[in-house]
Amino acid sequence: PTCHVLAARITAENPDDAFRPTSGAVERVRFQSAPNCWGYFSIGASGKVHEFADSQFGHIFAKGDTREQARKSLQLALKNLMIDGDIRTPVEYLVELAETPEFRANTIDTAWL
């Protein structure tokens, strides 16, 4: 491969409540793209996540020459992401997850979760 890419789903889910969907308005999203990191967010004009979609309202992608470089870029992007509003998101959980030895070793699968 010419590079490695990691992605994080940004959802309106509460990681402290078994990742159950949360509701409410998003007042502001602050995210800065960079050459090695980009993302998109989809929020209605009212500030709400679309009611007929699943809880995902954004994605962040990070790339690097190695998986570790991509992981570090994703970590930085997630740490700098700010979402203001009534909803809960798993962003802090994702930051912690990407620091685990299992994630670093790329041994996580859906059974691990």
C-alpha atoms as a PDB file:
ATOM      1  CA  PRO A   1       0.000   0.000   0.000  1.00  0.00           C
ATOM      2  CA  THR A   2       1.051   3.578  -0.611  1.00  0.00           C
ATOM      3  CA  CYS A   3      -0.433   4.755   2.689  1.00  0.00           C
ATOM      4  CA  HIS A   4      -2.573   3.728   5.633  1.00  0.00           C
ATOM      5  CA  VAL A   5      -5.970   5.297   6.376  1.00  0.00           C
ATOM      6  CA  LEU A   6      -7.979   5.067   9.587  1.00  0.00           C
ATOM      7  CA  ALA A   7     -11.545   6.292  10.026  1.00  0.00           C
ATOM      8  CA  ALA A   8     -13.634   7.242  13.036  1.00  0.00           C
ATOM      9  CA  ARG A   9     -17.429   7.324  12.957  1.00  0.00           C
ATOM     10  CA  ILE A  10     -18.763  10.342  14.832  1.00  0.00           C
ATOM     11  CA  THR A  11     -22.141   9.437  16.277  1.00  0.00           C
ATOM     12  CA  ALA A  12     -24.796  10.796  18.611  1.00  0.00           C
ATOM     13  CA  GLU A  13     -24.344   7.909  21.046  1.00  0.00           C
ATOM     14  CA  ASN A  14     -23.634   7.766  24.761  1.00  0.00           C
ATOM     15  CA  PRO A  15     -20.639   5.523  25.500  1.00  0.00           C
ATOM     16  CA  ASP A  16     -21.574   5.526  29.203  1.00  0.00           C
ATOM     17  CA  ASP A  17     -24.999   4.025  28.394  1.00  0.00           C
ATOM     18  CA  ALA A  18     -24.083   1.068  26.137  1.00  0.00           C
ATOM     19  CA  PHE A  19     -23.741   3.432  23.136  1.00  0.00           C
ATOM     20  CA  ARG A  20     -27.460   4.112  23.044  1.00  0.00           C
ATOM     21  CA  PRO A  21     -28.429   6.910  20.641  1.00  0.00           C
ATOM     22  CA  THR A  22     -28.903  10.361  22.144  1.00  0.00           C
ATOM     23  CA  SER A  23     -31.069  13.168  20.844  1.00  0.00           C
ATOM     24  CA  GLY A  24     -30.906  16.914  20.821  1.00  0.00           C
ATOM     25  CA  ALA A  25     -29.435  19.715  18.820  1.00  0.00           C
ATOM     26  CA  VAL A  26     -25.836  20.313  17.794  1.00  0.00           C
ATOM     27  CA  GLU A  27     -24.987  23.962  18.264  1.00  0.00           C
ATOM     28  CA  ARG A  28     -21.504  23.929  16.771  1.00  0.00           C
ATOM     29  CA  VAL A  29     -18.897  21.580  15.326  1.00  0.00           C
ATOM     30  CA  ARG A  30     -15.276  22.692  15.224  1.00  0.00           C
ATOM     31  CA  PHE A  31     -12.984  20.574  13.078  1.00  0.00           C
ATOM     32  CA  GLN A  32      -9.861  21.587  11.164  1.00  0.00           C
ATOM     33  CA  SER A  33      -8.896  19.550   8.125  1.00  0.00           C
ATOM     34  CA  ALA A  34      -5.231  19.043   7.285  1.00  0.00           C
ATOM     35  CA  PRO A  35      -3.371  17.353   4.419  1.00  0.00           C
ATOM     36  CA  ASN A  36      -3.267  14.094   6.406  1.00  0.00           C
ATOM     37  CA  CYS A  37      -6.705  14.395   8.028  1.00  0.00           C
ATOM     38  CA  TRP A  38     -10.151  15.263   6.710  1.00  0.00           C
ATOM     39  CA  GLY A  39     -13.739  14.803   7.711  1.00  0.00           C
ATOM     40  CA  TYR A  40     -17.356  15.570   7.035  1.00  0.00           C
ATOM     41  CA  PHE A  41     -20.387  16.224   9.203  1.00  0.00           C
ATOM     42  CA  SER A  42     -24.082  16.121   8.298  1.00  0.00           C
ATOM     43  CA  ILE A  43     -26.389  18.092  10.551  1.00  0.00           C
ATOM     44  CA  GLY A  44     -29.728  19.580   9.549  1.00  0.00           C
ATOM     45  CA  ALA A  45     -30.426  23.304   9.492  1.00  0.00           C
ATOM     46  CA  SER A  46     -32.196  22.946  12.846  1.00  0.00           C
ATOM     47  CA  GLY A  47     -28.995  21.543  14.341  1.00  0.00           C
ATOM     48  CA  LYS A  48     -30.402  18.045  14.706  1.00  0.00           C
ATOM     49  CA  VAL A  49     -29.051  14.767  13.467  1.00  0.00           C
ATOM     50  CA  HIS A  50     -31.436  13.511  10.793  1.00  0.00           C
ATOM     51  CA  GLU A  51     -34.219  11.575  12.554  1.00  0.00           C
ATOM     52  CA  PHE A  52     -34.559   8.921   9.828  1.00  0.00           C
ATOM     53  CA  ALA A  53     -30.866   8.054   9.731  1.00  0.00           C
ATOM     54  CA  ASP A  54     -28.736   6.109  12.164  1.00  0.00           C
ATOM     55  CA  SER A  55     -26.881   8.046  14.832  1.00  0.00           C
ATOM     56  CA  GLN A  56     -23.802   8.716  12.707  1.00  0.00           C
ATOM     57  CA  PHE A  57     -23.456  12.344  11.693  1.00  0.00           C
ATOM     58  CA  GLY A  58     -19.795  12.543  10.808  1.00  0.00           C
ATOM     59  CA  HIS A  59     -16.614  10.795   9.799  1.00  0.00           C
ATOM     60  CA  ILE A  60     -12.972  11.653  10.333  1.00  0.00           C
ATOM     61  CA  PHE A  61     -10.275  10.082   8.176  1.00  0.00           C
ATOM     62  CA  ALA A  62      -6.533  10.171   8.832  1.00  0.00           C
ATOM     63  CA  LYS A  63      -3.695   8.900   6.679  1.00  0.00           C
ATOM     64  CA  GLY A  64      -0.012   8.256   7.127  1.00  0.00           C
ATOM     65  CA  ASP A  65       2.890   6.398   5.562  1.00  0.00           C
ATOM     66  CA  THR A  66       2.481   3.864   8.366  1.00  0.00           C
ATOM     67  CA  ARG A  67      -0.510   2.770  10.429  1.00  0.00           C
ATOM     68  CA  GLU A  68       1.094   4.390  13.481  1.00  0.00           C
ATOM     69  CA  GLN A  69       1.374   7.752  11.687  1.00  0.00           C
ATOM     70  CA  ALA A  70      -2.285   7.483  10.662  1.00  0.00           C
ATOM     71  CA  ARG A  71      -3.228   6.583  14.244  1.00  0.00           C
ATOM     72  CA  LYS A  72      -1.392   9.608  15.636  1.00  0.00           C
ATOM     73  CA  SER A  73      -3.078  11.895  13.080  1.00  0.00           C
ATOM     74  CA  LEU A  74      -6.484  10.475  13.990  1.00  0.00           C
ATOM     75  CA  GLN A  75      -5.733  10.941  17.699  1.00  0.00           C
ATOM     76  CA  LEU A  76      -4.833  14.589  17.162  1.00  0.00           C
ATOM     77  CA  ALA A  77      -7.929  15.232  15.052  1.00  0.00           C
ATOM     78  CA  LEU A  78     -10.214  13.613  17.635  1.00  0.00           C
ATOM     79  CA  LYS A  79      -8.590  15.519  20.498  1.00  0.00           C
ATOM     80  CA  ASN A  80      -9.117  18.805  18.646  1.00  0.00           C
ATOM     81  CA  LEU A  81     -12.695  18.038  17.562  1.00  0.00           C
ATOM     82  CA  MET A  82     -15.254  20.068  19.485  1.00  0.00           C
ATOM     83  CA  ILE A  83     -18.987  19.362  19.335  1.00  0.00           C
ATOM     84  CA  ASP A  84     -21.250  21.666  21.332  1.00  0.00           C
ATOM     85  CA  GLY A  85     -24.865  20.780  21.936  1.00  0.00           C
ATOM     86  CA  ASP A  86     -27.309  18.511  23.702  1.00  0.00           C
ATOM     87  CA  ILE A  87     -26.088  15.197  22.285  1.00  0.00           C
ATOM     88  CA  ARG A  88     -23.437  12.867  23.660  1.00  0.00           C
ATOM     89  CA  THR A  89     -20.715  11.491  21.412  1.00  0.00           C
ATOM     90  CA  PRO A  90     -18.115   8.751  21.820  1.00  0.00           C
ATOM     91  CA  VAL A  91     -15.218  11.024  20.802  1.00  0.00           C
ATOM     92  CA  GLU A  92     -13.416  10.766  24.168  1.00  0.00           C
ATOM     93  CA  TYR A  93     -13.941   7.002  24.122  1.00  0.00           C
ATOM     94  CA  LEU A  94     -12.400   6.817  20.632  1.00  0.00           C
ATOM     95  CA  VAL A  95      -9.355   8.803  21.805  1.00  0.00           C
ATOM     96  CA  GLU A  96      -8.868   6.318  24.662  1.00  0.00           C
ATOM     97  CA  LEU A  97      -9.516   3.308  22.423  1.00  0.00           C
ATOM     98  CA  ALA A  98      -6.843   4.382  19.947  1.00  0.00           C
ATOM     99  CA  GLU A  99      -4.311   4.388  22.808  1.00  0.00           C
ATOM    100  CA  THR A 100      -4.915   0.774  23.832  1.00  0.00           C
ATOM    101  CA  PRO A 101      -2.284  -1.876  23.086  1.00  0.00           C
ATOM    102  CA  GLU A 102      -4.920  -3.850  21.147  1.00  0.00           C
ATOM    103  CA  PHE A 103      -5.647  -0.938  18.818  1.00  0.00           C
ATOM    104  CA  ARG A 104      -1.962  -0.171  18.344  1.00  0.00           C
ATOM    105  CA  ALA A 105      -1.328  -3.838  17.499  1.00  0.00           C
ATOM    106  CA  ASN A 106      -4.349  -3.913  15.156  1.00  0.00           C
ATOM    107  CA  THR A 107      -5.882  -6.909  16.932  1.00  0.00           C
ATOM    108  CA  ILE A 108      -9.337  -5.421  17.570  1.00  0.00           C
ATOM    109  CA  ASP A 109     -12.334  -6.891  15.790  1.00  0.00           C
ATOM    110  CA  THR A 110     -16.052  -6.767  16.491  1.00  0.00           C
ATOM    111  CA  ALA A 111     -15.770  -9.700  18.922  1.00  0.00           C
ATOM    112  CA  TRP A 112     -13.324  -7.624  21.030  1.00  0.00           C
ATOM    113  CA  LEU A 113     -15.784  -4.766  21.228  1.00  0.00           C
END
